[in-house]
Amino acid sequence: YAELERDVLSFALGNDCLLLRLLDDF
């Protein structure tokens, strides 16, 4: 799912976002 974050959710990894994940809970 870390690869999913990098490839699909890259827009949510900026300085104005915090993406938390506990296993499959985003």
mmCIF file of all heavy atoms, coordinates in Angstrom:
data_MODEL
# 
_entry.id   MODEL 
# 
loop_
_atom_site.group_PDB 
_atom_site.id 
_atom_site.type_symbol 
_atom_site.label_atom_id 
_atom_site.label_alt_id 
_atom_site.label_comp_id 
_atom_site.label_asym_id 
_atom_site.label_entity_id 
_atom_site.label_seq_id 
_atom_site.pdbx_PDB_ins_code 
_atom_site.Cartn_x 
_atom_site.Cartn_y 
_atom_site.Cartn_z 
_atom_site.occupancy 
_atom_site.B_iso_or_equiv 
_atom_site.pdbx_formal_charge 
_atom_site.auth_seq_id 
_atom_site.auth_comp_id 
_atom_site.auth_asym_id 
_atom_site.auth_atom_id 
_atom_site.pdbx_PDB_model_num 
ATOM 1   N N   . TYR A 1 1  ? 0.817  -1.211 0.000  1.00 0.00 ? 1  TYR A N   1 
ATOM 2   C CA  . TYR A 1 1  ? 0.000  0.000  0.000  1.00 0.00 ? 1  TYR A CA  1 
ATOM 3   C C   . TYR A 1 1  ? 0.856  1.269  0.000  1.00 0.00 ? 1  TYR A C   1 
ATOM 4   O O   . TYR A 1 1  ? 0.370  2.340  -0.382 1.00 0.00 ? 1  TYR A O   1 
ATOM 5   C CB  . TYR A 1 1  ? -0.968 -0.015 1.174  1.00 0.00 ? 1  TYR A CB  1 
ATOM 6   C CG  . TYR A 1 1  ? -2.119 -0.981 0.977  1.00 0.00 ? 1  TYR A CG  1 
ATOM 7   C CD1 . TYR A 1 1  ? -2.726 -1.616 2.046  1.00 0.00 ? 1  TYR A CD1 1 
ATOM 8   C CD2 . TYR A 1 1  ? -2.592 -1.266 -0.297 1.00 0.00 ? 1  TYR A CD2 1 
ATOM 9   C CE1 . TYR A 1 1  ? -3.770 -2.507 1.856  1.00 0.00 ? 1  TYR A CE1 1 
ATOM 10  C CE2 . TYR A 1 1  ? -3.634 -2.150 -0.496 1.00 0.00 ? 1  TYR A CE2 1 
ATOM 11  C CZ  . TYR A 1 1  ? -4.223 -2.773 0.587  1.00 0.00 ? 1  TYR A CZ  1 
ATOM 12  O OH  . TYR A 1 1  ? -5.257 -3.651 0.380  1.00 0.00 ? 1  TYR A OH  1 
ATOM 13  N N   . ALA A 1 2  ? 2.109  1.156  0.432  1.00 0.00 ? 2  ALA A N   1 
ATOM 14  C CA  . ALA A 1 2  ? 3.015  2.295  0.302  1.00 0.00 ? 2  ALA A CA  1 
ATOM 15  C C   . ALA A 1 2  ? 3.262  2.612  -1.173 1.00 0.00 ? 2  ALA A C   1 
ATOM 16  O O   . ALA A 1 2  ? 3.370  3.776  -1.566 1.00 0.00 ? 2  ALA A O   1 
ATOM 17  C CB  . ALA A 1 2  ? 4.338  2.009  1.012  1.00 0.00 ? 2  ALA A CB  1 
ATOM 18  N N   . GLU A 1 3  ? 3.336  1.558  -2.000 1.00 0.00 ? 3  GLU A N   1 
ATOM 19  C CA  . GLU A 1 3  ? 3.469  1.771  -3.449 1.00 0.00 ? 3  GLU A CA  1 
ATOM 20  C C   . GLU A 1 3  ? 2.197  2.390  -4.015 1.00 0.00 ? 3  GLU A C   1 
ATOM 21  O O   . GLU A 1 3  ? 2.250  3.256  -4.903 1.00 0.00 ? 3  GLU A O   1 
ATOM 22  C CB  . GLU A 1 3  ? 3.758  0.441  -4.146 1.00 0.00 ? 3  GLU A CB  1 
ATOM 23  C CG  . GLU A 1 3  ? 4.002  0.586  -5.639 1.00 0.00 ? 3  GLU A CG  1 
ATOM 24  C CD  . GLU A 1 3  ? 4.329  -0.724 -6.316 1.00 0.00 ? 3  GLU A CD  1 
ATOM 25  O OE1 . GLU A 1 3  ? 3.390  -1.488 -6.622 1.00 0.00 ? 3  GLU A OE1 1 
ATOM 26  O OE2 . GLU A 1 3  ? 5.520  -0.994 -6.539 1.00 0.00 ? 3  GLU A OE2 1 
ATOM 27  N N   . LEU A 1 4  ? 1.042  1.972  -3.504 1.00 0.00 ? 4  LEU A N   1 
ATOM 28  C CA  . LEU A 1 4  ? -0.226 2.583  -3.925 1.00 0.00 ? 4  LEU A CA  1 
ATOM 29  C C   . LEU A 1 4  ? -0.232 4.073  -3.597 1.00 0.00 ? 4  LEU A C   1 
ATOM 30  O O   . LEU A 1 4  ? -0.652 4.899  -4.429 1.00 0.00 ? 4  LEU A O   1 
ATOM 31  C CB  . LEU A 1 4  ? -1.389 1.880  -3.217 1.00 0.00 ? 4  LEU A CB  1 
ATOM 32  C CG  . LEU A 1 4  ? -2.760 2.553  -3.318 1.00 0.00 ? 4  LEU A CG  1 
ATOM 33  C CD1 . LEU A 1 4  ? -3.316 2.406  -4.723 1.00 0.00 ? 4  LEU A CD1 1 
ATOM 34  C CD2 . LEU A 1 4  ? -3.736 1.968  -2.302 1.00 0.00 ? 4  LEU A CD2 1 
ATOM 35  N N   . GLU A 1 5  ? 0.224  4.447  -2.426 1.00 0.00 ? 5  GLU A N   1 
ATOM 36  C CA  . GLU A 1 5  ? 0.282  5.856  -2.044 1.00 0.00 ? 5  GLU A CA  1 
ATOM 37  C C   . GLU A 1 5  ? 1.164  6.641  -3.009 1.00 0.00 ? 5  GLU A C   1 
ATOM 38  O O   . GLU A 1 5  ? 0.808  7.745  -3.439 1.00 0.00 ? 5  GLU A O   1 
ATOM 39  C CB  . GLU A 1 5  ? 0.823  5.989  -0.615 1.00 0.00 ? 5  GLU A CB  1 
ATOM 40  C CG  . GLU A 1 5  ? -0.103 5.441  0.452  1.00 0.00 ? 5  GLU A CG  1 
ATOM 41  C CD  . GLU A 1 5  ? 0.540  5.483  1.826  1.00 0.00 ? 5  GLU A CD  1 
ATOM 42  O OE1 . GLU A 1 5  ? 1.684  5.979  1.943  1.00 0.00 ? 5  GLU A OE1 1 
ATOM 43  O OE2 . GLU A 1 5  ? -0.100 5.018  2.797  1.00 0.00 ? 5  GLU A OE2 1 
ATOM 44  N N   . ARG A 1 6  ? 2.308  6.065  -3.348 1.00 0.00 ? 6  ARG A N   1 
ATOM 45  C CA  . ARG A 1 6  ? 3.251  6.759  -4.238 1.00 0.00 ? 6  ARG A CA  1 
ATOM 46  C C   . ARG A 1 6  ? 2.698  6.907  -5.648 1.00 0.00 ? 6  ARG A C   1 
ATOM 47  O O   . ARG A 1 6  ? 2.815  7.971  -6.263 1.00 0.00 ? 6  ARG A O   1 
ATOM 48  C CB  . ARG A 1 6  ? 4.563  5.986  -4.272 1.00 0.00 ? 6  ARG A CB  1 
ATOM 49  C CG  . ARG A 1 6  ? 5.666  6.640  -5.108 1.00 0.00 ? 6  ARG A CG  1 
ATOM 50  C CD  . ARG A 1 6  ? 6.779  5.662  -5.360 1.00 0.00 ? 6  ARG A CD  1 
ATOM 51  N NE  . ARG A 1 6  ? 6.323  4.548  -6.205 1.00 0.00 ? 6  ARG A NE  1 
ATOM 52  C CZ  . ARG A 1 6  ? 6.996  3.412  -6.349 1.00 0.00 ? 6  ARG A CZ  1 
ATOM 53  N NH1 . ARG A 1 6  ? 8.105  3.211  -5.697 1.00 0.00 ? 6  ARG A NH1 1 
ATOM 54  N NH2 . ARG A 1 6  ? 6.518  2.458  -7.144 1.00 0.00 ? 6  ARG A NH2 1 
ATOM 55  N N   . ASP A 1 7  ? 2.046  5.857  -6.171 1.00 0.00 ? 7  ASP A N   1 
ATOM 56  C CA  . ASP A 1 7  ? 1.625  5.855  -7.566 1.00 0.00 ? 7  ASP A CA  1 
ATOM 57  C C   . ASP A 1 7  ? 0.244  6.466  -7.794 1.00 0.00 ? 7  ASP A C   1 
ATOM 58  O O   . ASP A 1 7  ? -0.006 7.052  -8.845 1.00 0.00 ? 7  ASP A O   1 
ATOM 59  C CB  . ASP A 1 7  ? 1.633  4.424  -8.114 1.00 0.00 ? 7  ASP A CB  1 
ATOM 60  C CG  . ASP A 1 7  ? 3.031  3.828  -8.180 1.00 0.00 ? 7  ASP A CG  1 
ATOM 61  O OD1 . ASP A 1 7  ? 4.003  4.605  -8.080 1.00 0.00 ? 7  ASP A OD1 1 
ATOM 62  O OD2 . ASP A 1 7  ? 3.143  2.597  -8.312 1.00 0.00 ? 7  ASP A OD2 1 
ATOM 63  N N   . VAL A 1 8  ? -0.660 6.319  -6.827 1.00 0.00 ? 8  VAL A N   1 
ATOM 64  C CA  . VAL A 1 8  ? -2.049 6.748  -7.025 1.00 0.00 ? 8  VAL A CA  1 
ATOM 65  C C   . VAL A 1 8  ? -2.399 7.981  -6.190 1.00 0.00 ? 8  VAL A C   1 
ATOM 66  O O   . VAL A 1 8  ? -3.199 8.818  -6.635 1.00 0.00 ? 8  VAL A O   1 
ATOM 67  C CB  . VAL A 1 8  ? -3.019 5.589  -6.679 1.00 0.00 ? 8  VAL A CB  1 
ATOM 68  C CG1 . VAL A 1 8  ? -4.471 6.022  -6.832 1.00 0.00 ? 8  VAL A CG1 1 
ATOM 69  C CG2 . VAL A 1 8  ? -2.724 4.372  -7.548 1.00 0.00 ? 8  VAL A CG2 1 
ATOM 70  N N   . LEU A 1 9  ? -1.810 8.108  -5.016 1.00 0.00 ? 9  LEU A N   1 
ATOM 71  C CA  . LEU A 1 9  ? -2.190 9.179  -4.084 1.00 0.00 ? 9  LEU A CA  1 
ATOM 72  C C   . LEU A 1 9  ? -1.083 10.209 -3.899 1.00 0.00 ? 9  LEU A C   1 
ATOM 73  O O   . LEU A 1 9  ? -0.996 10.849 -2.849 1.00 0.00 ? 9  LEU A O   1 
ATOM 74  C CB  . LEU A 1 9  ? -2.566 8.574  -2.717 1.00 0.00 ? 9  LEU A CB  1 
ATOM 75  C CG  . LEU A 1 9  ? -3.690 7.536  -2.729 1.00 0.00 ? 9  LEU A CG  1 
ATOM 76  C CD1 . LEU A 1 9  ? -3.871 6.939  -1.345 1.00 0.00 ? 9  LEU A CD1 1 
ATOM 77  C CD2 . LEU A 1 9  ? -5.003 8.175  -3.212 1.00 0.00 ? 9  LEU A CD2 1 
ATOM 78  N N   . SER A 1 10 ? -0.256 10.401 -4.897 1.00 0.00 ? 10 SER A N   1 
ATOM 79  C CA  . SER A 1 10 ? 0.868  11.336 -4.764 1.00 0.00 ? 10 SER A CA  1 
ATOM 80  C C   . SER A 1 10 ? 0.395  12.760 -4.501 1.00 0.00 ? 10 SER A C   1 
ATOM 81  O O   . SER A 1 10 ? 1.106  13.549 -3.856 1.00 0.00 ? 10 SER A O   1 
ATOM 82  C CB  . SER A 1 10 ? 1.737  11.302 -6.019 1.00 0.00 ? 10 SER A CB  1 
ATOM 83  O OG  . SER A 1 10 ? 0.967  11.615 -7.179 1.00 0.00 ? 10 SER A OG  1 
ATOM 84  N N   . PHE A 1 11 ? -0.803 13.119 -4.968 1.00 0.00 ? 11 PHE A N   1 
ATOM 85  C CA  . PHE A 1 11 ? -1.339 14.461 -4.729 1.00 0.00 ? 11 PHE A CA  1 
ATOM 86  C C   . PHE A 1 11 ? -1.606 14.716 -3.251 1.00 0.00 ? 11 PHE A C   1 
ATOM 87  O O   . PHE A 1 11 ? -1.717 15.873 -2.820 1.00 0.00 ? 11 PHE A O   1 
ATOM 88  C CB  . PHE A 1 11 ? -2.641 14.650 -5.519 1.00 0.00 ? 11 PHE A CB  1 
ATOM 89  C CG  . PHE A 1 11 ? -3.759 13.747 -5.078 1.00 0.00 ? 11 PHE A CG  1 
ATOM 90  C CD1 . PHE A 1 11 ? -4.635 14.115 -4.075 1.00 0.00 ? 11 PHE A CD1 1 
ATOM 91  C CD2 . PHE A 1 11 ? -3.934 12.493 -5.665 1.00 0.00 ? 11 PHE A CD2 1 
ATOM 92  C CE1 . PHE A 1 11 ? -5.662 13.283 -3.665 1.00 0.00 ? 11 PHE A CE1 1 
ATOM 93  C CE2 . PHE A 1 11 ? -4.953 11.646 -5.266 1.00 0.00 ? 11 PHE A CE2 1 
ATOM 94  C CZ  . PHE A 1 11 ? -5.817 12.037 -4.251 1.00 0.00 ? 11 PHE A CZ  1 
ATOM 95  N N   . ALA A 1 12 ? -1.724 13.643 -2.458 1.00 0.00 ? 12 ALA A N   1 
ATOM 96  C CA  . ALA A 1 12 ? -2.025 13.769 -1.026 1.00 0.00 ? 12 ALA A CA  1 
ATOM 97  C C   . ALA A 1 12 ? -0.776 13.684 -0.162 1.00 0.00 ? 12 ALA A C   1 
ATOM 98  O O   . ALA A 1 12 ? -0.864 13.474 1.048  1.00 0.00 ? 12 ALA A O   1 
ATOM 99  C CB  . ALA A 1 12 ? -3.017 12.687 -0.607 1.00 0.00 ? 12 ALA A CB  1 
ATOM 100 N N   . LEU A 1 13 ? 0.390  13.834 -0.762 1.00 0.00 ? 13 LEU A N   1 
ATOM 101 C CA  . LEU A 1 13 ? 1.646  13.731 -0.016 1.00 0.00 ? 13 LEU A CA  1 
ATOM 102 C C   . LEU A 1 13 ? 2.366  15.066 0.081  1.00 0.00 ? 13 LEU A C   1 
ATOM 103 O O   . LEU A 1 13 ? 3.552  15.115 0.420  1.00 0.00 ? 13 LEU A O   1 
ATOM 104 C CB  . LEU A 1 13 ? 2.562  12.690 -0.689 1.00 0.00 ? 13 LEU A CB  1 
ATOM 105 C CG  . LEU A 1 13 ? 1.989  11.279 -0.826 1.00 0.00 ? 13 LEU A CG  1 
ATOM 106 C CD1 . LEU A 1 13 ? 2.977  10.375 -1.544 1.00 0.00 ? 13 LEU A CD1 1 
ATOM 107 C CD2 . LEU A 1 13 ? 1.636  10.700 0.540  1.00 0.00 ? 13 LEU A CD2 1 
ATOM 108 N N   . GLY A 1 14 ? 1.668  16.179 -0.220 1.00 0.00 ? 14 GLY A N   1 
ATOM 109 C CA  . GLY A 1 14 ? 2.284  17.491 -0.165 1.00 0.00 ? 14 GLY A CA  1 
ATOM 110 C C   . GLY A 1 14 ? 2.343  18.051 1.241  1.00 0.00 ? 14 GLY A C   1 
ATOM 111 O O   . GLY A 1 14 ? 1.893  17.435 2.218  1.00 0.00 ? 14 GLY A O   1 
ATOM 112 N N   . ASN A 1 15 ? 2.868  19.278 1.363  1.00 0.00 ? 15 ASN A N   1 
ATOM 113 C CA  . ASN A 1 15 ? 3.048  19.903 2.674  1.00 0.00 ? 15 ASN A CA  1 
ATOM 114 C C   . ASN A 1 15 ? 1.731  20.285 3.337  1.00 0.00 ? 15 ASN A C   1 
ATOM 115 O O   . ASN A 1 15 ? 1.689  20.479 4.560  1.00 0.00 ? 15 ASN A O   1 
ATOM 116 C CB  . ASN A 1 15 ? 3.927  21.149 2.541  1.00 0.00 ? 15 ASN A CB  1 
ATOM 117 C CG  . ASN A 1 15 ? 5.361  20.816 2.164  1.00 0.00 ? 15 ASN A CG  1 
ATOM 118 O OD1 . ASN A 1 15 ? 5.854  19.732 2.480  1.00 0.00 ? 15 ASN A OD1 1 
ATOM 119 N ND2 . ASN A 1 15 ? 6.020  21.731 1.476  1.00 0.00 ? 15 ASN A ND2 1 
ATOM 120 N N   . ASP A 1 16 ? 0.667  20.423 2.538  1.00 0.00 ? 16 ASP A N   1 
ATOM 121 C CA  . ASP A 1 16 ? -0.626 20.790 3.115  1.00 0.00 ? 16 ASP A CA  1 
ATOM 122 C C   . ASP A 1 16 ? -1.483 19.573 3.423  1.00 0.00 ? 16 ASP A C   1 
ATOM 123 O O   . ASP A 1 16 ? -2.675 19.705 3.723  1.00 0.00 ? 16 ASP A O   1 
ATOM 124 C CB  . ASP A 1 16 ? -1.381 21.731 2.174  1.00 0.00 ? 16 ASP A CB  1 
ATOM 125 C CG  . ASP A 1 16 ? -1.630 21.102 0.802  1.00 0.00 ? 16 ASP A CG  1 
ATOM 126 O OD1 . ASP A 1 16 ? -1.035 20.041 0.516  1.00 0.00 ? 16 ASP A OD1 1 
ATOM 127 O OD2 . ASP A 1 16 ? -2.416 21.668 0.014  1.00 0.00 ? 16 ASP A OD2 1 
ATOM 128 N N   . CYS A 1 17 ? -0.898 18.379 3.349  1.00 0.00 ? 17 CYS A N   1 
ATOM 129 C CA  . CYS A 1 17 ? -1.627 17.129 3.599  1.00 0.00 ? 17 CYS A CA  1 
ATOM 130 C C   . CYS A 1 17 ? -0.859 16.243 4.572  1.00 0.00 ? 17 CYS A C   1 
ATOM 131 O O   . CYS A 1 17 ? 0.376  16.250 4.608  1.00 0.00 ? 17 CYS A O   1 
ATOM 132 C CB  . CYS A 1 17 ? -1.839 16.347 2.303  1.00 0.00 ? 17 CYS A CB  1 
ATOM 133 S SG  . CYS A 1 17 ? -2.866 17.171 1.063  1.00 0.00 ? 17 CYS A SG  1 
ATOM 134 N N   . LEU A 1 18 ? -1.604 15.465 5.337  1.00 0.00 ? 18 LEU A N   1 
ATOM 135 C CA  . LEU A 1 18 ? -1.034 14.393 6.150  1.00 0.00 ? 18 LEU A CA  1 
ATOM 136 C C   . LEU A 1 18 ? -1.839 13.136 5.854  1.00 0.00 ? 18 LEU A C   1 
ATOM 137 O O   . LEU A 1 18 ? -3.037 13.068 6.162  1.00 0.00 ? 18 LEU A O   1 
ATOM 138 C CB  . LEU A 1 18 ? -1.102 14.725 7.640  1.00 0.00 ? 18 LEU A CB  1 
ATOM 139 C CG  . LEU A 1 18 ? -0.669 13.591 8.579  1.00 0.00 ? 18 LEU A CG  1 
ATOM 140 C CD1 . LEU A 1 18 ? 0.801  13.229 8.356  1.00 0.00 ? 18 LEU A CD1 1 
ATOM 141 C CD2 . LEU A 1 18 ? -0.910 13.960 10.038 1.00 0.00 ? 18 LEU A CD2 1 
ATOM 142 N N   . LEU A 1 19 ? -1.192 12.140 5.256  1.00 0.00 ? 19 LEU A N   1 
ATOM 143 C CA  . LEU A 1 19 ? -1.846 10.876 4.940  1.00 0.00 ? 19 LEU A CA  1 
ATOM 144 C C   . LEU A 1 19 ? -1.412 9.840  5.958  1.00 0.00 ? 19 LEU A C   1 
ATOM 145 O O   . LEU A 1 19 ? -0.247 9.451  6.012  1.00 0.00 ? 19 LEU A O   1 
ATOM 146 C CB  . LEU A 1 19 ? -1.485 10.416 3.529  1.00 0.00 ? 19 LEU A CB  1 
ATOM 147 C CG  . LEU A 1 19 ? -2.148 9.123  3.038  1.00 0.00 ? 19 LEU A CG  1 
ATOM 148 C CD1 . LEU A 1 19 ? -3.670 9.250  3.066  1.00 0.00 ? 19 LEU A CD1 1 
ATOM 149 C CD2 . LEU A 1 19 ? -1.666 8.763  1.632  1.00 0.00 ? 19 LEU A CD2 1 
ATOM 150 N N   . LEU A 1 20 ? -2.352 9.419  6.797  1.00 0.00 ? 20 LEU A N   1 
ATOM 151 C CA  . LEU A 1 20 ? -2.104 8.388  7.802  1.00 0.00 ? 20 LEU A CA  1 
ATOM 152 C C   . LEU A 1 20 ? -2.628 7.056  7.288  1.00 0.00 ? 20 LEU A C   1 
ATOM 153 O O   . LEU A 1 20 ? -3.629 7.006  6.570  1.00 0.00 ? 20 LEU A O   1 
ATOM 154 C CB  . LEU A 1 20 ? -2.804 8.738  9.123  1.00 0.00 ? 20 LEU A CB  1 
ATOM 155 C CG  . LEU A 1 20 ? -2.417 10.047 9.806  1.00 0.00 ? 20 LEU A CG  1 
ATOM 156 C CD1 . LEU A 1 20 ? -3.356 10.323 10.976 1.00 0.00 ? 20 LEU A CD1 1 
ATOM 157 C CD2 . LEU A 1 20 ? -0.976 10.005 10.292 1.00 0.00 ? 20 LEU A CD2 1 
ATOM 158 N N   . ARG A 1 21 ? -1.945 5.988  7.680  1.00 0.00 ? 21 ARG A N   1 
ATOM 159 C CA  . ARG A 1 21 ? -2.435 4.662  7.304  1.00 0.00 ? 21 ARG A CA  1 
ATOM 160 C C   . ARG A 1 21 ? -1.995 3.655  8.351  1.00 0.00 ? 21 ARG A C   1 
ATOM 161 O O   . ARG A 1 21 ? -0.820 3.571  8.702  1.00 0.00 ? 21 ARG A O   1 
ATOM 162 C CB  . ARG A 1 21 ? -1.910 4.227  5.934  1.00 0.00 ? 21 ARG A CB  1 
ATOM 163 C CG  . ARG A 1 21 ? -2.368 2.828  5.536  1.00 0.00 ? 21 ARG A CG  1 
ATOM 164 C CD  . ARG A 1 21 ? -1.982 2.507  4.102  1.00 0.00 ? 21 ARG A CD  1 
ATOM 165 N NE  . ARG A 1 21 ? -0.557 2.688  3.867  1.00 0.00 ? 21 ARG A NE  1 
ATOM 166 C CZ  . ARG A 1 21 ? 0.374  1.776  4.164  1.00 0.00 ? 21 ARG A CZ  1 
ATOM 167 N NH1 . ARG A 1 21 ? 0.018  0.640  4.728  1.00 0.00 ? 21 ARG A NH1 1 
ATOM 168 N NH2 . ARG A 1 21 ? 1.643  2.011  3.906  1.00 0.00 ? 21 ARG A NH2 1 
ATOM 169 N N   . LEU A 1 22 ? -2.961 2.906  8.858  1.00 0.00 ? 22 LEU A N   1 
ATOM 170 C CA  . LEU A 1 22 ? -2.683 1.777  9.745  1.00 0.00 ? 22 LEU A CA  1 
ATOM 171 C C   . LEU A 1 22 ? -3.130 0.526  8.996  1.00 0.00 ? 22 LEU A C   1 
ATOM 172 O O   . LEU A 1 22 ? -4.321 0.222  8.934  1.00 0.00 ? 22 LEU A O   1 
ATOM 173 C CB  . LEU A 1 22 ? -3.408 1.916  11.074 1.00 0.00 ? 22 LEU A CB  1 
ATOM 174 C CG  . LEU A 1 22 ? -3.161 0.813  12.101 1.00 0.00 ? 22 LEU A CG  1 
ATOM 175 C CD1 . LEU A 1 22 ? -1.675 0.730  12.448 1.00 0.00 ? 22 LEU A CD1 1 
ATOM 176 C CD2 . LEU A 1 22 ? -3.992 1.027  13.355 1.00 0.00 ? 22 LEU A CD2 1 
ATOM 177 N N   . LEU A 1 23 ? -2.163 -0.130 8.352  1.00 0.00 ? 23 LEU A N   1 
ATOM 178 C CA  . LEU A 1 23 ? -2.427 -1.276 7.493  1.00 0.00 ? 23 LEU A CA  1 
ATOM 179 C C   . LEU A 1 23 ? -3.345 -0.865 6.335  1.00 0.00 ? 23 LEU A C   1 
ATOM 180 O O   . LEU A 1 23 ? -2.888 -0.233 5.394  1.00 0.00 ? 23 LEU A O   1 
ATOM 181 C CB  . LEU A 1 23 ? -3.009 -2.449 8.299  1.00 0.00 ? 23 LEU A CB  1 
ATOM 182 C CG  . LEU A 1 23 ? -2.849 -3.844 7.688  1.00 0.00 ? 23 LEU A CG  1 
ATOM 183 C CD1 . LEU A 1 23 ? -1.375 -4.143 7.436  1.00 0.00 ? 23 LEU A CD1 1 
ATOM 184 C CD2 . LEU A 1 23 ? -3.470 -4.892 8.559  1.00 0.00 ? 23 LEU A CD2 1 
ATOM 185 N N   . ASP A 1 24 ? -4.645 -1.166 6.416  1.00 0.00 ? 24 ASP A N   1 
ATOM 186 C CA  . ASP A 1 24 ? -5.552 -0.824 5.307  1.00 0.00 ? 24 ASP A CA  1 
ATOM 187 C C   . ASP A 1 24 ? -6.505 0.307  5.654  1.00 0.00 ? 24 ASP A C   1 
ATOM 188 O O   . ASP A 1 24 ? -7.434 0.598  4.902  1.00 0.00 ? 24 ASP A O   1 
ATOM 189 C CB  . ASP A 1 24 ? -6.350 -2.055 4.878  1.00 0.00 ? 24 ASP A CB  1 
ATOM 190 C CG  . ASP A 1 24 ? -7.222 -2.598 6.009  1.00 0.00 ? 24 ASP A CG  1 
ATOM 191 O OD1 . ASP A 1 24 ? -6.912 -2.313 7.179  1.00 0.00 ? 24 ASP A OD1 1 
ATOM 192 O OD2 . ASP A 1 24 ? -8.189 -3.313 5.727  1.00 0.00 ? 24 ASP A OD2 1 
ATOM 193 N N   . ASP A 1 25 ? -6.307 0.954  6.801  1.00 0.00 ? 25 ASP A N   1 
ATOM 194 C CA  . ASP A 1 25 ? -7.146 2.079  7.217  1.00 0.00 ? 25 ASP A CA  1 
ATOM 195 C C   . ASP A 1 25 ? -6.452 3.389  6.863  1.00 0.00 ? 25 ASP A C   1 
ATOM 196 O O   . ASP A 1 25 ? -5.433 3.740  7.464  1.00 0.00 ? 25 ASP A O   1 
ATOM 197 C CB  . ASP A 1 25 ? -7.437 2.023  8.721  1.00 0.00 ? 25 ASP A CB  1 
ATOM 198 C CG  . ASP A 1 25 ? -8.352 0.872  9.083  1.00 0.00 ? 25 ASP A CG  1 
ATOM 199 O OD1 . ASP A 1 25 ? -9.378 0.709  8.406  1.00 0.00 ? 25 ASP A OD1 1 
ATOM 200 O OD2 . ASP A 1 25 ? -8.049 0.141  10.038 1.00 0.00 ? 25 ASP A OD2 1 
ATOM 201 N N   . PHE A 1 26 ? -7.011 4.113  5.885  1.00 0.00 ? 26 PHE A N   1 
ATOM 202 C CA  . PHE A 1 26 ? -6.426 5.366  5.417  1.00 0.00 ? 26 PHE A CA  1 
ATOM 203 C C   . PHE A 1 26 ? -7.151 6.548  6.039  1.00 0.00 ? 26 PHE A C   1 
ATOM 204 O O   . PHE A 1 26 ? -8.378 6.527  6.211  1.00 0.00 ? 26 PHE A O   1 
ATOM 205 C CB  . PHE A 1 26 ? -6.556 5.484  3.892  1.00 0.00 ? 26 PHE A CB  1 
ATOM 206 C CG  . PHE A 1 26 ? -5.701 4.521  3.107  1.00 0.00 ? 26 PHE A CG  1 
ATOM 207 C CD1 . PHE A 1 26 ? -6.072 3.190  2.955  1.00 0.00 ? 26 PHE A CD1 1 
ATOM 208 C CD2 . PHE A 1 26 ? -4.526 4.950  2.499  1.00 0.00 ? 26 PHE A CD2 1 
ATOM 209 C CE1 . PHE A 1 26 ? -5.303 2.305  2.212  1.00 0.00 ? 26 PHE A CE1 1 
ATOM 210 C CE2 . PHE A 1 26 ? -3.748 4.071  1.751  1.00 0.00 ? 26 PHE A CE2 1 
ATOM 211 C CZ  . PHE A 1 26 ? -4.136 2.752  1.618  1.00 0.00 ? 26 PHE A CZ  1 
# 
